[in-house]
Amino acid sequence: MTDPTAGDTRVRVAPKRRDVELNDLTILVRVPGNPVATAVFTADEHDEAQRYADEHAAAGAVVVPLPGSIPDPVWDWETKTWAPRTGD
């Protein structure tokens, strides 16, 4: 893997919580124009998610409910859809 260059706009953010599964995440707080500020929360963290959205309200933060479950979290970038896993 190579280090990002000055022209590379991608940002990799390491997971903050390793004890949470993808299906546990039910709330997304999106901050338009600032993808690094995007955060996800579990249903139990609803109050924390709302506080986070309130902190970023001036930037237009939006609380987005996530689907209840994703049967097999494999994203197909070519078709831009969820795809079944072919093997482990």
PDB file of N, CA and C in Angstrom:
ATOM      1  N   MET A   1       0.849  -1.183   0.000  1.00  0.00           N
ATOM      2  CA  MET A   1       0.000   0.000   0.000  1.00  0.00           C
ATOM      3  C   MET A   1       0.885   1.233   0.000  1.00  0.00           C
ATOM      4  N   THR A   2       0.472   2.232  -0.703  1.00  0.00           N
ATOM      5  CA  THR A   2       1.272   3.449  -0.787  1.00  0.00           C
ATOM      6  C   THR A   2       0.672   4.533   0.103  1.00  0.00           C
ATOM      7  N   ASP A   3       1.510   5.477   0.424  1.00  0.00           N
ATOM      8  CA  ASP A   3       1.042   6.616   1.209  1.00  0.00           C
ATOM      9  C   ASP A   3       0.246   7.551   0.319  1.00  0.00           C
ATOM     10  N   PRO A   4      -0.739   8.273   0.890  1.00  0.00           N
ATOM     11  CA  PRO A   4      -1.520   9.212   0.093  1.00  0.00           C
ATOM     12  C   PRO A   4      -0.622  10.329  -0.446  1.00  0.00           C
ATOM     13  N   THR A   5      -0.964  10.824  -1.600  1.00  0.00           N
ATOM     14  CA  THR A   5      -0.233  11.943  -2.184  1.00  0.00           C
ATOM     15  C   THR A   5      -1.032  13.220  -1.998  1.00  0.00           C
ATOM     16  N   ALA A   6      -0.422  14.329  -2.347  1.00  0.00           N
ATOM     17  CA  ALA A   6      -1.092  15.622  -2.179  1.00  0.00           C
ATOM     18  C   ALA A   6      -2.371  15.697  -3.006  1.00  0.00           C
ATOM     19  N   GLY A   7      -2.417  15.006  -4.165  1.00  0.00           N
ATOM     20  CA  GLY A   7      -3.599  15.043  -5.014  1.00  0.00           C
ATOM     21  C   GLY A   7      -4.653  14.012  -4.651  1.00  0.00           C
ATOM     22  N   ASP A   8      -4.363  13.166  -3.671  1.00  0.00           N
ATOM     23  CA  ASP A   8      -5.285  12.106  -3.264  1.00  0.00           C
ATOM     24  C   ASP A   8      -6.274  12.649  -2.245  1.00  0.00           C
ATOM     25  N   THR A   9      -7.564  12.641  -2.587  1.00  0.00           N
ATOM     26  CA  THR A   9      -8.584  13.211  -1.695  1.00  0.00           C
ATOM     27  C   THR A   9      -9.216  12.184  -0.775  1.00  0.00           C
ATOM     28  N   ARG A  10      -8.811  10.919  -0.885  1.00  0.00           N
ATOM     29  CA  ARG A  10      -9.391   9.888  -0.028  1.00  0.00           C
ATOM     30  C   ARG A  10      -8.859  10.010   1.387  1.00  0.00           C
ATOM     31  N   VAL A  11      -9.725   9.712   2.348  1.00  0.00           N
ATOM     32  CA  VAL A  11      -9.339   9.741   3.747  1.00  0.00           C
ATOM     33  C   VAL A  11      -9.754   8.421   4.373  1.00  0.00           C
ATOM     34  N   ARG A  12      -8.824   7.744   5.018  1.00  0.00           N
ATOM     35  CA  ARG A  12      -9.124   6.486   5.700  1.00  0.00           C
ATOM     36  C   ARG A  12      -9.213   6.767   7.181  1.00  0.00           C
ATOM     37  N   VAL A  13     -10.372   6.487   7.758  1.00  0.00           N
ATOM     38  CA  VAL A  13     -10.584   6.695   9.178  1.00  0.00           C
ATOM     39  C   VAL A  13     -10.672   5.327   9.837  1.00  0.00           C
ATOM     40  N   ALA A  14      -9.814   5.081  10.797  1.00  0.00           N
ATOM     41  CA  ALA A  14      -9.793   3.793  11.484  1.00  0.00           C
ATOM     42  C   ALA A  14     -11.036   3.651  12.364  1.00  0.00           C
ATOM     43  N   PRO A  15     -11.568   2.432  12.488  1.00  0.00           N
ATOM     44  CA  PRO A  15     -12.738   2.222  13.353  1.00  0.00           C
ATOM     45  C   PRO A  15     -12.431   2.622  14.791  1.00  0.00           C
ATOM     46  N   LYS A  16     -13.389   3.264  15.426  1.00  0.00           N
ATOM     47  CA  LYS A  16     -13.205   3.685  16.813  1.00  0.00           C
ATOM     48  C   LYS A  16     -13.633   2.600  17.785  1.00  0.00           C
ATOM     49  N   ARG A  17     -14.571   1.773  17.352  1.00  0.00           N
ATOM     50  CA  ARG A  17     -15.099   0.727  18.234  1.00  0.00           C
ATOM     51  C   ARG A  17     -15.024  -0.606  17.514  1.00  0.00           C
ATOM     52  N   ARG A  18     -14.321  -1.522  18.077  1.00  0.00           N
ATOM     53  CA  ARG A  18     -14.185  -2.838  17.452  1.00  0.00           C
ATOM     54  C   ARG A  18     -15.251  -3.812  17.954  1.00  0.00           C
ATOM     55  N   ASP A  19     -15.993  -3.444  18.984  1.00  0.00           N
ATOM     56  CA  ASP A  19     -16.996  -4.344  19.559  1.00  0.00           C
ATOM     57  C   ASP A  19     -18.381  -4.180  18.935  1.00  0.00           C
ATOM     58  N   VAL A  20     -18.512  -3.354  17.906  1.00  0.00           N
ATOM     59  CA  VAL A  20     -19.799  -3.089  17.277  1.00  0.00           C
ATOM     60  C   VAL A  20     -19.800  -3.703  15.880  1.00  0.00           C
ATOM     61  N   GLU A  21     -20.859  -4.432  15.557  1.00  0.00           N
ATOM     62  CA  GLU A  21     -20.998  -5.035  14.231  1.00  0.00           C
ATOM     63  C   GLU A  21     -21.756  -4.066  13.315  1.00  0.00           C
ATOM     64  N   LEU A  22     -21.613  -4.270  12.022  1.00  0.00           N
ATOM     65  CA  LEU A  22     -22.262  -3.400  11.040  1.00  0.00           C
ATOM     66  C   LEU A  22     -23.770  -3.314  11.262  1.00  0.00           C
ATOM     67  N   ASN A  23     -24.408  -4.436  11.542  1.00  0.00           N
ATOM     68  CA  ASN A  23     -25.862  -4.437  11.738  1.00  0.00           C
ATOM     69  C   ASN A  23     -26.300  -3.687  12.998  1.00  0.00           C
ATOM     70  N   ASP A  24     -25.365  -3.422  13.921  1.00  0.00           N
ATOM     71  CA  ASP A  24     -25.692  -2.668  15.138  1.00  0.00           C
ATOM     72  C   ASP A  24     -25.794  -1.171  14.874  1.00  0.00           C
ATOM     73  N   LEU A  25     -25.217  -0.711  13.783  1.00  0.00           N
ATOM     74  CA  LEU A  25     -25.203   0.713  13.477  1.00  0.00           C
ATOM     75  C   LEU A  25     -26.517   1.099  12.812  1.00  0.00           C
ATOM     76  N   THR A  26     -27.253   1.988  13.465  1.00  0.00           N
ATOM     77  CA  THR A  26     -28.584   2.343  12.981  1.00  0.00           C
ATOM     78  C   THR A  26     -28.751   3.829  12.686  1.00  0.00           C
ATOM     79  N   ILE A  27     -27.767   4.643  13.068  1.00  0.00           N
ATOM     80  CA  ILE A  27     -27.885   6.091  12.893  1.00  0.00           C
ATOM     81  C   ILE A  27     -26.602   6.625  12.256  1.00  0.00           C
ATOM     82  N   LEU A  28     -26.764   7.412  11.217  1.00  0.00           N
ATOM     83  CA  LEU A  28     -25.635   8.076  10.569  1.00  0.00           C
ATOM     84  C   LEU A  28     -25.829   9.572  10.731  1.00  0.00           C
ATOM     85  N   VAL A  29     -24.783  10.258  11.164  1.00  0.00           N
ATOM     86  CA  VAL A  29     -24.820  11.722  11.192  1.00  0.00           C
ATOM     87  C   VAL A  29     -23.860  12.183  10.111  1.00  0.00           C
ATOM     88  N   ARG A  30     -24.412  12.797   9.079  1.00  0.00           N
ATOM     89  CA  ARG A  30     -23.654  13.244   7.920  1.00  0.00           C
ATOM     90  C   ARG A  30     -23.513  14.758   7.969  1.00  0.00           C
ATOM     91  N   VAL A  31     -22.290  15.225   7.766  1.00  0.00           N
ATOM     92  CA  VAL A  31     -22.022  16.663   7.726  1.00  0.00           C
ATOM     93  C   VAL A  31     -21.644  17.016   6.293  1.00  0.00           C
ATOM     94  N   PRO A  32     -22.557  17.655   5.559  1.00  0.00           N
ATOM     95  CA  PRO A  32     -22.291  17.973   4.150  1.00  0.00           C
ATOM     96  C   PRO A  32     -20.986  18.758   3.976  1.00  0.00           C
ATOM     97  N   GLY A  33     -20.195  18.338   2.991  1.00  0.00           N
ATOM     98  CA  GLY A  33     -18.944  19.021   2.707  1.00  0.00           C
ATOM     99  C   GLY A  33     -17.796  18.643   3.619  1.00  0.00           C
ATOM    100  N   ASN A  34     -18.052  17.760   4.595  1.00  0.00           N
ATOM    101  CA  ASN A  34     -17.005  17.360   5.529  1.00  0.00           C
ATOM    102  C   ASN A  34     -17.129  15.863   5.824  1.00  0.00           C
ATOM    103  N   PRO A  35     -16.710  15.008   4.891  1.00  0.00           N
ATOM    104  CA  PRO A  35     -16.890  13.569   5.085  1.00  0.00           C
ATOM    105  C   PRO A  35     -16.147  13.016   6.291  1.00  0.00           C
ATOM    106  N   VAL A  36     -15.093  13.665   6.730  1.00  0.00           N
ATOM    107  CA  VAL A  36     -14.354  13.198   7.901  1.00  0.00           C
ATOM    108  C   VAL A  36     -15.206  13.328   9.164  1.00  0.00           C
ATOM    109  N   ALA A  37     -16.140  14.257   9.181  1.00  0.00           N
ATOM    110  CA  ALA A  37     -16.986  14.472  10.355  1.00  0.00           C
ATOM    111  C   ALA A  37     -18.175  13.514  10.409  1.00  0.00           C
ATOM    112  N   THR A  38     -18.362  12.684   9.380  1.00  0.00           N
ATOM    113  CA  THR A  38     -19.453  11.713   9.381  1.00  0.00           C
ATOM    114  C   THR A  38     -19.236  10.716  10.512  1.00  0.00           C
ATOM    115  N   ALA A  39     -20.296  10.394  11.228  1.00  0.00           N
ATOM    116  CA  ALA A  39     -20.197   9.463  12.354  1.00  0.00           C
ATOM    117  C   ALA A  39     -21.409   8.539  12.363  1.00  0.00           C
ATOM    118  N   VAL A  40     -21.221   7.333  12.875  1.00  0.00           N
ATOM    119  CA  VAL A  40     -22.309   6.363  12.991  1.00  0.00           C
ATOM    120  C   VAL A  40     -22.499   5.985  14.453  1.00  0.00           C
ATOM    121  N   PHE A  41     -23.730   5.617  14.769  1.00  0.00           N
ATOM    122  CA  PHE A  41     -24.086   5.312  16.143  1.00  0.00           C
ATOM    123  C   PHE A  41     -25.038   4.130  16.182  1.00  0.00           C
ATOM    124  N   THR A  42     -25.098   3.468  17.331  1.00  0.00           N
ATOM    125  CA  THR A  42     -26.060   2.390  17.539  1.00  0.00           C
ATOM    126  C   THR A  42     -27.360   2.992  18.057  1.00  0.00           C
ATOM    127  N   ALA A  43     -28.407   2.185  18.105  1.00  0.00           N
ATOM    128  CA  ALA A  43     -29.698   2.662  18.621  1.00  0.00           C
ATOM    129  C   ALA A  43     -29.566   3.121  20.077  1.00  0.00           C
ATOM    130  N   ASP A  44     -28.729   2.431  20.850  1.00  0.00           N
ATOM    131  CA  ASP A  44     -28.522   2.815  22.251  1.00  0.00           C
ATOM    132  C   ASP A  44     -27.817   4.165  22.384  1.00  0.00           C
ATOM    133  N   GLU A  45     -27.163   4.606  21.332  1.00  0.00           N
ATOM    134  CA  GLU A  45     -26.431   5.870  21.358  1.00  0.00           C
ATOM    135  C   GLU A  45     -27.218   7.010  20.706  1.00  0.00           C
ATOM    136  N   HIS A  46     -28.541   6.874  20.658  1.00  0.00           N
ATOM    137  CA  HIS A  46     -29.385   7.876  20.007  1.00  0.00           C
ATOM    138  C   HIS A  46     -29.149   9.274  20.558  1.00  0.00           C
ATOM    139  N   ASP A  47     -29.091   9.412  21.889  1.00  0.00           N
ATOM    140  CA  ASP A  47     -28.884  10.738  22.492  1.00  0.00           C
ATOM    141  C   ASP A  47     -27.523  11.314  22.103  1.00  0.00           C
ATOM    142  N   GLU A  48     -26.500  10.467  22.082  1.00  0.00           N
ATOM    143  CA  GLU A  48     -25.167  10.909  21.682  1.00  0.00           C
ATOM    144  C   GLU A  48     -25.154  11.354  20.219  1.00  0.00           C
ATOM    145  N   ALA A  49     -25.875  10.615  19.364  1.00  0.00           N
ATOM    146  CA  ALA A  49     -25.966  10.977  17.950  1.00  0.00           C
ATOM    147  C   ALA A  49     -26.639  12.343  17.791  1.00  0.00           C
ATOM    148  N   GLN A  50     -27.693  12.574  18.543  1.00  0.00           N
ATOM    149  CA  GLN A  50     -28.385  13.863  18.458  1.00  0.00           C
ATOM    150  C   GLN A  50     -27.490  14.999  18.944  1.00  0.00           C
ATOM    151  N   ARG A  51     -26.736  14.759  20.025  1.00  0.00           N
ATOM    152  CA  ARG A  51     -25.805  15.780  20.510  1.00  0.00           C
ATOM    153  C   ARG A  51     -24.741  16.092  19.444  1.00  0.00           C
ATOM    154  N   TYR A  52     -24.231  15.043  18.796  1.00  0.00           N
ATOM    155  CA  TYR A  52     -23.225  15.227  17.753  1.00  0.00           C
ATOM    156  C   TYR A  52     -23.807  16.045  16.592  1.00  0.00           C
ATOM    157  N   ALA A  53     -25.025  15.731  16.205  1.00  0.00           N
ATOM    158  CA  ALA A  53     -25.684  16.482  15.131  1.00  0.00           C
ATOM    159  C   ALA A  53     -25.902  17.937  15.540  1.00  0.00           C
ATOM    160  N   ASP A  54     -26.288  18.153  16.790  1.00  0.00           N
ATOM    161  CA  ASP A  54     -26.490  19.520  17.277  1.00  0.00           C
ATOM    162  C   ASP A  54     -25.182  20.316  17.267  1.00  0.00           C
ATOM    163  N   GLU A  55     -24.067  19.645  17.611  1.00  0.00           N
ATOM    164  CA  GLU A  55     -22.765  20.308  17.605  1.00  0.00           C
ATOM    165  C   GLU A  55     -22.366  20.753  16.193  1.00  0.00           C
ATOM    166  N   HIS A  56     -22.828  20.015  15.189  1.00  0.00           N
ATOM    167  CA  HIS A  56     -22.477  20.319  13.803  1.00  0.00           C
ATOM    168  C   HIS A  56     -23.654  20.915  13.024  1.00  0.00           C
ATOM    169  N   ALA A  57     -24.629  21.428  13.747  1.00  0.00           N
ATOM    170  CA  ALA A  57     -25.830  21.979  13.101  1.00  0.00           C
ATOM    171  C   ALA A  57     -25.494  23.164  12.194  1.00  0.00           C
ATOM    172  N   ALA A  58     -24.545  23.980  12.587  1.00  0.00           N
ATOM    173  CA  ALA A  58     -24.182  25.146  11.780  1.00  0.00           C
ATOM    174  C   ALA A  58     -23.641  24.726  10.413  1.00  0.00           C
ATOM    175  N   ALA A  59     -23.053  23.538  10.356  1.00  0.00           N
ATOM    176  CA  ALA A  59     -22.506  23.033   9.093  1.00  0.00           C
ATOM    177  C   ALA A  59     -23.556  22.240   8.314  1.00  0.00           C
ATOM    178  N   GLY A  60     -24.771  22.141   8.844  1.00  0.00           N
ATOM    179  CA  GLY A  60     -25.850  21.457   8.150  1.00  0.00           C
ATOM    180  C   GLY A  60     -25.920  19.962   8.401  1.00  0.00           C
ATOM    181  N   ALA A  61     -25.491  19.513   9.581  1.00  0.00           N
ATOM    182  CA  ALA A  61     -25.504  18.087   9.911  1.00  0.00           C
ATOM    183  C   ALA A  61     -26.897  17.499   9.742  1.00  0.00           C
ATOM    184  N   VAL A  62     -26.944  16.279   9.216  1.00  0.00           N
ATOM    185  CA  VAL A  62     -28.192  15.590   8.954  1.00  0.00           C
ATOM    186  C   VAL A  62     -28.139  14.223   9.637  1.00  0.00           C
ATOM    187  N   VAL A  63     -29.197  13.882  10.380  1.00  0.00           N
ATOM    188  CA  VAL A  63     -29.302  12.563  10.993  1.00  0.00           C
ATOM    189  C   VAL A  63     -30.040  11.666  10.004  1.00  0.00           C
ATOM    190  N   VAL A  64     -29.408  10.550   9.645  1.00  0.00           N
ATOM    191  CA  VAL A  64     -29.970   9.636   8.655  1.00  0.00           C
ATOM    192  C   VAL A  64     -30.143   8.260   9.291  1.00  0.00           C
ATOM    193  N   PRO A  65     -31.375   7.737   9.345  1.00  0.00           N
ATOM    194  CA  PRO A  65     -31.547   6.378   9.857  1.00  0.00           C
ATOM    195  C   PRO A  65     -30.999   5.369   8.852  1.00  0.00           C
ATOM    196  N   LEU A  66     -30.301   4.364   9.348  1.00  0.00           N
ATOM    197  CA  LEU A  66     -29.747   3.326   8.486  1.00  0.00           C
ATOM    198  C   LEU A  66     -30.693   2.136   8.440  1.00  0.00           C
ATOM    199  N   PRO A  67     -30.601   1.307   7.396  1.00  0.00           N
ATOM    200  CA  PRO A  67     -31.483   0.132   7.311  1.00  0.00           C
ATOM    201  C   PRO A  67     -31.269  -0.785   8.508  1.00  0.00           C
ATOM    202  N   GLY A  68     -32.318  -1.474   8.906  1.00  0.00           N
ATOM    203  CA  GLY A  68     -32.265  -2.337  10.077  1.00  0.00           C
ATOM    204  C   GLY A  68     -31.253  -3.452   9.979  1.00  0.00           C
ATOM    205  N   SER A  69     -31.058  -4.002   8.805  1.00  0.00           N
ATOM    206  CA  SER A  69     -30.046  -5.037   8.669  1.00  0.00           C
ATOM    207  C   SER A  69     -29.567  -5.108   7.230  1.00  0.00           C
ATOM    208  N   ILE A  70     -28.353  -5.498   7.098  1.00  0.00           N
ATOM    209  CA  ILE A  70     -27.772  -5.734   5.785  1.00  0.00           C
ATOM    210  C   ILE A  70     -27.404  -7.207   5.781  1.00  0.00           C
ATOM    211  N   PRO A  71     -28.072  -8.008   4.970  1.00  0.00           N
ATOM    212  CA  PRO A  71     -27.911  -9.457   5.064  1.00  0.00           C
ATOM    213  C   PRO A  71     -26.482  -9.940   4.870  1.00  0.00           C
ATOM    214  N   ASP A  72     -25.734  -9.320   4.017  1.00  0.00           N
ATOM    215  CA  ASP A  72     -24.357  -9.719   3.769  1.00  0.00           C
ATOM    216  C   ASP A  72     -23.604  -8.479   3.303  1.00  0.00           C
ATOM    217  N   PRO A  73     -22.873  -7.848   4.193  1.00  0.00           N
ATOM    218  CA  PRO A  73     -22.311  -6.532   3.883  1.00  0.00           C
ATOM    219  C   PRO A  73     -21.135  -6.542   2.921  1.00  0.00           C
ATOM    220  N   VAL A  74     -21.414  -6.874   1.657  1.00  0.00           N
ATOM    221  CA  VAL A  74     -20.397  -6.804   0.613  1.00  0.00           C
ATOM    222  C   VAL A  74     -20.895  -5.814  -0.437  1.00  0.00           C
ATOM    223  N   TRP A  75     -20.150  -4.753  -0.634  1.00  0.00           N
ATOM    224  CA  TRP A  75     -20.553  -3.713  -1.569  1.00  0.00           C
ATOM    225  C   TRP A  75     -19.867  -3.948  -2.908  1.00  0.00           C
ATOM    226  N   ASP A  76     -20.644  -3.973  -3.992  1.00  0.00           N
ATOM    227  CA  ASP A  76     -20.109  -4.110  -5.334  1.00  0.00           C
ATOM    228  C   ASP A  76     -19.969  -2.716  -5.921  1.00  0.00           C
ATOM    229  N   TRP A  77     -18.731  -2.249  -6.032  1.00  0.00           N
ATOM    230  CA  TRP A  77     -18.481  -0.885  -6.484  1.00  0.00           C
ATOM    231  C   TRP A  77     -18.831  -0.684  -7.949  1.00  0.00           C
ATOM    232  N   GLU A  78     -18.796  -1.734  -8.734  1.00  0.00           N
ATOM    233  CA  GLU A  78     -19.118  -1.582 -10.151  1.00  0.00           C
ATOM    234  C   GLU A  78     -20.607  -1.366 -10.377  1.00  0.00           C
ATOM    235  N   THR A  79     -21.451  -2.147  -9.667  1.00  0.00           N
ATOM    236  CA  THR A  79     -22.900  -1.992  -9.837  1.00  0.00           C
ATOM    237  C   THR A  79     -23.504  -1.052  -8.806  1.00  0.00           C
ATOM    238  N   LYS A  80     -22.707  -0.680  -7.802  1.00  0.00           N
ATOM    239  CA  LYS A  80     -23.152   0.193  -6.708  1.00  0.00           C
ATOM    240  C   LYS A  80     -24.369  -0.393  -5.979  1.00  0.00           C
ATOM    241  N   THR A  81     -24.293  -1.709  -5.697  1.00  0.00           N
ATOM    242  CA  THR A  81     -25.336  -2.403  -4.961  1.00  0.00           C
ATOM    243  C   THR A  81     -24.696  -3.375  -3.982  1.00  0.00           C
ATOM    244  N   TRP A  82     -25.495  -3.867  -3.021  1.00  0.00           N
ATOM    245  CA  TRP A  82     -25.041  -4.923  -2.126  1.00  0.00           C
ATOM    246  C   TRP A  82     -25.043  -6.227  -2.906  1.00  0.00           C
ATOM    247  N   ALA A  83     -23.977  -7.003  -2.777  1.00  0.00           N
ATOM    248  CA  ALA A  83     -23.840  -8.244  -3.520  1.00  0.00           C
ATOM    249  C   ALA A  83     -23.653  -9.425  -2.564  1.00  0.00           C
ATOM    250  N   PRO A  84     -24.129 -10.609  -2.940  1.00  0.00           N
ATOM    251  CA  PRO A  84     -23.909 -11.770  -2.066  1.00  0.00           C
ATOM    252  C   PRO A  84     -22.436 -12.159  -2.064  1.00  0.00           C
ATOM    253  N   ARG A  85     -21.990 -12.598  -0.913  1.00  0.00           N
ATOM    254  CA  ARG A  85     -20.599 -13.005  -0.764  1.00  0.00           C
ATOM    255  C   ARG A  85     -20.398 -14.331  -1.475  1.00  0.00           C
ATOM    256  N   THR A  86     -19.305 -14.478  -2.193  1.00  0.00           N
ATOM    257  CA  THR A  86     -19.064 -15.704  -2.951  1.00  0.00           C
ATOM    258  C   THR A  86     -18.297 -16.743  -2.146  1.00  0.00           C
ATOM    259  N   GLY A  87     -17.685 -16.365  -1.071  1.00  0.00           N
ATOM    260  CA  GLY A  87     -16.938 -17.305  -0.230  1.00  0.00           C
ATOM    261  C   GLY A  87     -16.182 -16.571   0.833  1.00  0.00           C
ATOM    262  N   ASP A  88     -15.786 -17.286   1.863  1.00  0.00           N
ATOM    263  CA  ASP A  88     -15.044 -16.661   2.960  1.00  0.00           C
ATOM    264  C   ASP A  88     -13.579 -16.922   2.885  1.00  0.00           C
TER     265      ASP A  88
END
